[in-house]
Amino acid sequence: MADLKSRFYKTFANLPLGVRDEIVLVIDGQPITWNVIKLEVDTDSKISKRALKLLGELRLIKTEQ
């Protein structure tokens, strides 16, 4: 999970500021933006674990180098 987290931070840092407010996932019927995922990852919440897994599966963050 730490590897996905570091890859998320790298991807997030390279996103244009406007894109960070766009919805990227829907979890439990709730739209989630890049900024919301970052806040969740920062606090290491349950949602962050699900979001990181989904982002990896969708190949929005790299899962391997």
Protein backbone atom coordinates (compact mmCIF):
# COMPACT_ATOMS: atom_id res chain seq x y z
CA MET A 1 0.00 0.00 0.00
CA ALA A 2 2.88 2.38 0.73
CA ASP A 3 4.06 1.92 -2.84
CA LEU A 4 0.65 2.91 -4.23
CA LYS A 5 0.61 5.87 -1.87
CA SER A 6 3.96 7.16 -3.11
CA ARG A 7 2.91 6.66 -6.72
CA PHE A 8 -0.32 8.54 -6.00
CA TYR A 9 1.61 11.49 -4.57
CA LYS A 10 3.87 11.55 -7.64
CA THR A 11 0.87 11.49 -9.99
CA PHE A 12 -0.99 14.09 -7.92
CA ALA A 13 2.00 16.45 -7.94
CA ASN A 14 2.08 16.32 -11.75
CA LEU A 15 -1.63 17.07 -12.21
CA PRO A 16 -2.59 20.56 -13.36
CA LEU A 17 -4.39 22.46 -10.60
CA GLY A 18 -7.69 22.55 -12.50
CA VAL A 19 -7.73 18.78 -12.96
CA ARG A 20 -7.41 18.17 -9.22
CA ASP A 21 -11.02 19.35 -8.74
CA GLU A 22 -12.41 16.94 -11.32
CA ILE A 23 -14.27 13.80 -10.25
CA VAL A 24 -12.06 10.77 -10.79
CA LEU A 25 -13.92 8.02 -8.88
CA VAL A 26 -17.30 7.22 -7.41
CA ILE A 27 -17.14 5.27 -4.15
CA ASP A 28 -20.35 4.21 -2.42
CA GLY A 29 -22.30 6.56 -4.68
CA GLN A 30 -20.17 9.55 -3.69
CA PRO A 31 -18.14 11.44 -6.32
CA ILE A 32 -14.46 11.69 -5.35
CA THR A 33 -12.02 14.25 -6.76
CA TRP A 34 -8.23 14.06 -6.81
CA ASN A 35 -8.16 16.62 -3.95
CA VAL A 36 -10.50 14.51 -1.82
CA ILE A 37 -8.39 11.41 -2.44
CA LYS A 38 -5.28 13.33 -1.35
CA LEU A 39 -6.97 14.36 1.90
CA GLU A 40 -8.03 10.76 2.50
CA VAL A 41 -4.54 9.43 1.71
CA ASP A 42 -3.00 12.02 4.05
CA THR A 43 -5.17 10.68 6.90
CA ASP A 44 -4.74 7.03 5.86
CA SER A 45 -8.49 6.38 5.90
CA LYS A 46 -10.39 3.31 4.70
CA ILE A 47 -11.58 5.26 1.68
CA SER A 48 -7.98 6.02 0.74
CA LYS A 49 -7.14 2.33 0.58
CA ARG A 50 -10.12 1.67 -1.71
CA ALA A 51 -9.35 4.73 -3.83
CA LEU A 52 -5.69 3.81 -4.29
CA LYS A 53 -6.63 0.28 -5.28
CA LEU A 54 -9.18 1.54 -7.80
CA LEU A 55 -6.79 4.13 -9.23
CA GLY A 56 -4.21 1.39 -9.71
CA GLU A 57 -6.74 -0.93 -11.37
CA LEU A 58 -7.85 1.87 -13.70
CA ARG A 59 -4.18 2.61 -14.41
CA LEU A 60 -4.59 6.23 -13.38
CA ILE A 61 -1.54 5.70 -11.18
CA LYS A 62 1.18 3.28 -12.10
CA THR A 63 1.12 0.01 -10.20
CA GLU A 64 4.64 -1.03 -11.20
CA GLN A 65 7.71 0.68 -12.59
